[in-house]
Amino acid sequence: MALLLAGEKGFEVEAILFDKDGTLIEFSYTWGVWTRHMQEAFAERLRGKGFPDLPREELGREWGISFAESGIASGYDRNGPLAAGTLAELLALLAASGYRRGLGWSEARVFAQESLHLAESRMQQERPALALPGVPELLASCRELGLPAAVVTADETTSAVQHLSWLGLDGYFAEIIGTDQVDRGKPYGDMVELACRRLGVDPARVAVVGDTNGDMLMARAAGAGAAIGLADADKAQELPDADVVVPSCAQLELQR
């Protein structure tokens, strides 16, 4: 048991469940690179068949991520498909962009899968990941206090483990649960319920920390003891179902 301080509120918890992207690691840095690789691979296949190109800006609008003129990701919609959707949903949206350009649906799906394989290979070579402020310190505090920590992410489990391992953070978590391990992803409570079963704790005694309202709804659906949102003050209204909103994990403190 520990006291988790978030802003002016305190919660007695037996475990903390973290979203990954936008909570533990910088979302735009990792997924901006991945989106760029996906767009380049898919556009190359379109051009090879003589179909109209797929500009990065168009895919960004479809998925909910924006790019500067330099090609670097400059922002994202925390409630958009890239932030809150599943890999299957993103691939379906990508395939649909090919279908709109004249590809048959089956071929568009194949192109999306081929683009995924190429993007994942390039990501493994580049390993683009940055820990967000306060994350290593908070995880170290969890370990010091013997407080179990787990990840509940809309990402696939293999990808989540990979991204965290690039930063040396994977060893801090008793469980890393991706959306592929449950029947229903966010905003349903399935991942929280599964994590709590594996950790042997009551959902009412855990805090869920995330950066989207889908995370907050997931916490509510599972009966979690606390739904802690991460957002700057001007974005706090995007997390209406949070018990409290703070800028980052740097504003979270654990006490015995």
Protein backbone atom coordinates (compact mmCIF):
# COMPACT_ATOMS: atom_id res chain seq x y z
CA MET A 1 0.00 0.00 0.00
CA ALA A 2 1.25 3.48 -0.83
CA LEU A 3 -0.10 6.99 -1.00
CA LEU A 4 -0.09 8.39 -4.53
CA LEU A 5 -0.14 12.18 -4.59
CA ALA A 6 -1.44 13.83 -7.76
CA GLY A 7 -1.90 17.58 -7.65
CA GLU A 8 -3.91 18.33 -4.53
CA LYS A 9 -5.38 14.83 -4.31
CA GLY A 10 -4.09 11.67 -2.69
CA PHE A 11 -5.04 8.04 -3.37
CA GLU A 12 -4.15 4.94 -1.37
CA VAL A 13 -3.15 2.32 -3.92
CA GLU A 14 -1.85 -1.23 -4.10
CA ALA A 15 -0.72 -0.95 -7.75
CA ILE A 16 -0.44 1.56 -10.58
CA LEU A 17 -1.48 0.80 -14.15
CA PHE A 18 0.05 2.98 -16.85
CA ASP A 19 -0.92 3.70 -20.40
CA LYS A 20 2.22 3.69 -22.56
CA ASP A 21 2.18 6.25 -25.38
CA GLY A 22 1.83 9.83 -24.20
CA THR A 23 2.12 8.64 -20.60
CA LEU A 24 5.43 6.80 -20.34
CA ILE A 25 6.99 7.61 -23.70
CA GLU A 26 6.72 10.66 -25.95
CA PHE A 27 3.93 9.85 -28.40
CA SER A 28 4.79 12.03 -31.40
CA TYR A 29 8.46 11.02 -31.44
CA THR A 30 7.83 7.27 -31.73
CA TRP A 31 4.59 7.24 -33.70
CA GLY A 32 5.58 10.12 -35.95
CA VAL A 33 8.51 8.05 -37.20
CA TRP A 34 6.30 4.97 -37.55
CA THR A 35 3.63 6.91 -39.47
CA ARG A 36 6.26 8.30 -41.82
CA HIS A 37 7.59 4.82 -42.58
CA MET A 38 4.06 3.49 -43.10
CA GLN A 39 3.18 6.34 -45.45
CA GLU A 40 6.39 6.01 -47.47
CA ALA A 41 6.00 2.26 -47.90
CA PHE A 42 2.32 2.44 -48.85
CA ALA A 43 2.85 5.38 -51.23
CA GLU A 44 5.66 3.51 -52.96
CA ARG A 45 3.33 0.59 -53.61
CA LEU A 46 0.62 2.90 -54.92
CA ARG A 47 3.03 4.57 -57.33
CA GLY A 48 4.29 1.18 -58.49
CA LYS A 49 0.74 0.33 -59.58
CA GLY A 50 0.16 3.71 -61.20
CA PHE A 51 -2.29 4.99 -58.59
CA PRO A 52 -2.32 8.47 -57.03
CA ASP A 53 0.16 9.07 -54.21
CA LEU A 54 -0.73 9.15 -50.50
CA PRO A 55 0.75 12.34 -49.00
CA ARG A 56 1.97 12.23 -45.41
CA GLU A 57 -0.37 15.07 -44.48
CA GLU A 58 -3.39 13.13 -45.68
CA LEU A 59 -2.51 10.01 -43.71
CA GLY A 60 -1.79 12.25 -40.73
CA ARG A 61 -5.29 13.74 -40.91
CA GLU A 62 -6.76 10.25 -41.23
CA TRP A 63 -4.89 8.91 -38.22
CA GLY A 64 -4.79 12.03 -36.06
CA ILE A 65 -1.16 13.22 -36.21
CA SER A 66 0.29 16.38 -37.73
CA PHE A 67 3.68 17.07 -39.29
CA ALA A 68 5.87 20.13 -39.70
CA GLU A 69 7.33 21.01 -43.10
CA SER A 70 10.50 19.20 -42.05
CA GLY A 71 8.54 15.95 -41.82
CA ILE A 72 8.88 15.78 -38.04
CA ALA A 73 5.66 15.07 -36.13
CA SER A 74 4.45 18.28 -34.50
CA GLY A 75 1.34 17.14 -32.60
CA TYR A 76 -1.39 14.56 -32.33
CA ASP A 77 -5.04 14.16 -31.45
CA ARG A 78 -5.02 12.33 -28.10
CA ASN A 79 -8.49 10.99 -28.89
CA GLY A 80 -7.76 10.12 -32.53
CA PRO A 81 -7.22 6.71 -34.16
CA LEU A 82 -3.42 6.67 -33.80
CA ALA A 83 -3.57 7.50 -30.10
CA ALA A 84 -6.67 5.56 -29.11
CA GLY A 85 -7.24 2.98 -31.84
CA THR A 86 -5.92 -0.52 -32.43
CA LEU A 87 -3.38 -1.63 -35.00
CA ALA A 88 -6.13 -3.42 -36.91
CA GLU A 89 -8.14 -0.20 -37.10
CA LEU A 90 -5.13 1.78 -38.36
CA LEU A 91 -4.41 -0.80 -41.04
CA ALA A 92 -8.07 -0.71 -42.09
CA LEU A 93 -7.91 3.08 -42.45
CA LEU A 94 -4.71 2.78 -44.47
CA ALA A 95 -6.21 0.14 -46.73
CA ALA A 96 -9.28 2.35 -47.20
CA SER A 97 -7.06 5.15 -48.49
CA GLY A 98 -5.76 2.75 -51.14
CA TYR A 99 -9.27 1.63 -52.01
CA ARG A 100 -10.32 5.25 -52.52
CA ARG A 101 -7.48 5.59 -55.02
CA GLY A 102 -8.66 2.63 -57.08
CA LEU A 103 -7.02 -0.40 -55.48
CA GLY A 104 -9.13 -3.48 -54.93
CA TRP A 105 -9.82 -4.05 -51.24
CA SER A 106 -7.83 -7.29 -51.05
CA GLU A 107 -4.77 -5.71 -52.65
CA ALA A 108 -5.10 -2.64 -50.44
CA ARG A 109 -5.06 -4.87 -47.36
CA VAL A 110 -1.96 -6.67 -48.64
CA PHE A 111 -0.21 -3.34 -49.25
CA ALA A 112 -1.08 -2.23 -45.70
CA GLN A 113 0.39 -5.41 -44.22
CA GLU A 114 3.52 -5.16 -46.36
CA SER A 115 3.94 -1.54 -45.26
CA LEU A 116 3.63 -2.63 -41.64
CA HIS A 117 6.38 -5.23 -41.98
CA LEU A 118 8.71 -2.71 -43.59
CA ALA A 119 7.91 0.00 -41.02
CA GLU A 120 8.50 -2.39 -38.10
CA SER A 121 11.86 -3.42 -39.55
CA ARG A 122 12.94 0.20 -39.87
CA MET A 123 11.70 1.01 -36.37
CA GLN A 124 13.77 -1.82 -34.93
CA GLN A 125 16.85 -0.38 -36.61
CA GLU A 126 16.21 3.22 -35.50
CA ARG A 127 14.63 2.58 -32.06
CA PRO A 128 12.93 5.99 -31.76
CA ALA A 129 11.74 6.37 -28.16
CA LEU A 130 11.97 9.03 -25.46
CA ALA A 131 10.85 8.69 -21.84
CA LEU A 132 8.55 11.49 -20.68
CA PRO A 133 9.46 13.71 -17.69
CA GLY A 134 9.33 12.02 -14.31
CA VAL A 135 8.78 8.51 -15.67
CA PRO A 136 12.08 6.85 -14.67
CA GLU A 137 11.91 8.45 -11.23
CA LEU A 138 8.30 7.37 -10.61
CA LEU A 139 9.00 3.81 -11.70
CA ALA A 140 12.06 3.71 -9.45
CA SER A 141 9.85 4.84 -6.56
CA CYS A 142 7.39 2.04 -7.32
CA ARG A 143 10.22 -0.48 -7.17
CA GLU A 144 11.63 1.01 -3.97
CA LEU A 145 8.24 0.81 -2.24
CA GLY A 146 7.45 -2.63 -3.62
CA LEU A 147 4.40 -1.24 -5.40
CA PRO A 148 3.48 -3.32 -8.47
CA ALA A 149 3.29 -1.47 -11.78
CA ALA A 150 1.76 -2.65 -15.04
CA VAL A 151 1.18 -1.31 -18.55
CA VAL A 152 -2.26 -1.34 -20.20
CA THR A 153 -1.93 -0.06 -23.75
CA ALA A 154 -3.90 0.15 -26.98
CA ASP A 155 -0.68 -0.96 -28.68
CA GLU A 156 0.08 -4.62 -29.41
CA THR A 157 1.92 -6.35 -26.56
CA THR A 158 5.03 -7.21 -28.60
CA SER A 159 5.38 -3.63 -29.78
CA ALA A 160 4.83 -2.27 -26.26
CA VAL A 161 7.51 -4.51 -24.78
CA GLN A 162 9.85 -3.52 -27.59
CA HIS A 163 9.39 0.23 -27.14
CA LEU A 164 9.86 0.03 -23.37
CA SER A 165 12.93 -2.19 -23.76
CA TRP A 166 14.57 0.40 -26.00
CA LEU A 167 14.53 2.71 -22.96
CA GLY A 168 15.41 0.02 -20.42
CA LEU A 169 12.01 0.46 -18.72
CA ASP A 170 10.43 -2.93 -19.40
CA GLY A 171 11.93 -4.48 -16.26
CA TYR A 172 9.94 -2.14 -14.00
CA PHE A 173 6.62 -3.76 -14.90
CA ALA A 174 5.09 -6.90 -13.46
CA GLU A 175 2.75 -7.05 -16.46
CA ILE A 176 2.68 -5.45 -19.92
CA ILE A 177 -0.76 -5.93 -21.43
CA GLY A 178 -1.58 -4.93 -24.98
CA THR A 179 -4.98 -4.75 -26.60
CA ASP A 180 -4.31 -8.10 -28.31
CA GLN A 181 -4.64 -9.86 -24.92
CA VAL A 182 -8.30 -8.91 -24.38
CA ASP A 183 -11.56 -9.16 -26.27
CA ARG A 184 -12.28 -5.45 -25.90
CA GLY A 185 -9.72 -2.66 -25.79
CA LYS A 186 -10.12 0.86 -24.45
CA PRO A 187 -12.48 2.39 -23.36
CA TYR A 188 -13.73 -0.93 -21.97
CA GLY A 189 -12.29 -2.09 -18.66
CA ASP A 190 -10.97 -5.47 -19.84
CA MET A 191 -7.25 -4.64 -19.69
CA VAL A 192 -7.51 -3.16 -16.20
CA GLU A 193 -9.47 -6.18 -15.01
CA LEU A 194 -6.91 -8.56 -16.54
CA ALA A 195 -3.98 -6.67 -15.00
CA CYS A 196 -5.62 -6.70 -11.59
CA ARG A 197 -6.28 -10.45 -11.78
CA ARG A 198 -2.68 -11.12 -12.66
CA LEU A 199 -1.38 -8.79 -9.94
CA GLY A 200 -3.82 -10.16 -7.38
CA VAL A 201 -5.27 -6.76 -6.47
CA ASP A 202 -8.77 -5.30 -6.31
CA PRO A 203 -9.40 -2.75 -9.11
CA ALA A 204 -10.77 -0.40 -6.44
CA ARG A 205 -7.23 -0.27 -4.98
CA VAL A 206 -5.38 0.68 -8.18
CA ALA A 207 -4.72 3.93 -9.99
CA VAL A 208 -4.86 4.15 -13.78
CA VAL A 209 -2.59 6.82 -15.29
CA GLY A 210 -3.10 7.88 -18.92
CA ASP A 211 -3.24 10.78 -21.34
CA THR A 212 -6.56 10.15 -23.13
CA ASN A 213 -10.14 10.13 -22.00
CA GLY A 214 -10.30 6.57 -23.27
CA ASP A 215 -7.87 5.71 -20.46
CA MET A 216 -10.13 7.45 -17.97
CA LEU A 217 -13.23 5.65 -19.27
CA MET A 218 -11.35 2.35 -19.09
CA ALA A 219 -10.53 3.06 -15.44
CA ARG A 220 -14.18 3.93 -14.71
CA ALA A 221 -15.48 0.84 -16.49
CA ALA A 222 -13.23 -1.42 -14.41
CA GLY A 223 -14.03 0.31 -11.12
CA ALA A 224 -10.49 1.58 -10.59
CA GLY A 225 -9.83 3.56 -7.45
CA ALA A 226 -8.33 6.50 -9.34
CA ALA A 227 -8.31 7.77 -12.92
CA ILE A 228 -5.36 10.16 -13.24
CA GLY A 229 -5.07 12.12 -16.46
CA LEU A 230 -1.92 13.65 -17.89
CA ALA A 231 -2.34 16.86 -19.88
CA ASP A 232 -1.24 20.47 -19.85
CA ALA A 233 -3.69 22.92 -18.31
CA ASP A 234 -5.04 24.02 -21.70
CA LYS A 235 -5.81 20.38 -22.62
CA ALA A 236 -7.30 19.29 -19.29
CA GLN A 237 -10.85 19.67 -20.63
CA GLU A 238 -10.12 16.80 -23.03
CA LEU A 239 -10.09 14.43 -20.02
CA PRO A 240 -13.54 15.04 -18.49
CA ASP A 241 -13.66 11.63 -16.81
CA ALA A 242 -10.40 12.01 -14.88
CA ASP A 243 -10.41 12.31 -11.08
CA VAL A 244 -7.49 14.70 -11.39
CA VAL A 245 -5.34 16.02 -14.25
CA VAL A 246 -1.64 16.87 -13.93
CA PRO A 247 0.89 17.78 -16.64
CA SER A 248 3.05 14.65 -16.44
CA CYS A 249 4.36 11.84 -14.27
CA ALA A 250 6.78 14.38 -12.81
CA GLN A 251 3.84 15.72 -10.78
CA LEU A 252 3.09 12.31 -9.26
CA GLU A 253 4.65 11.37 -5.93
CA LEU A 254 4.60 8.19 -3.89
CA GLN A 255 4.77 7.99 -0.12
CA ARG A 256 4.62 5.07 2.28
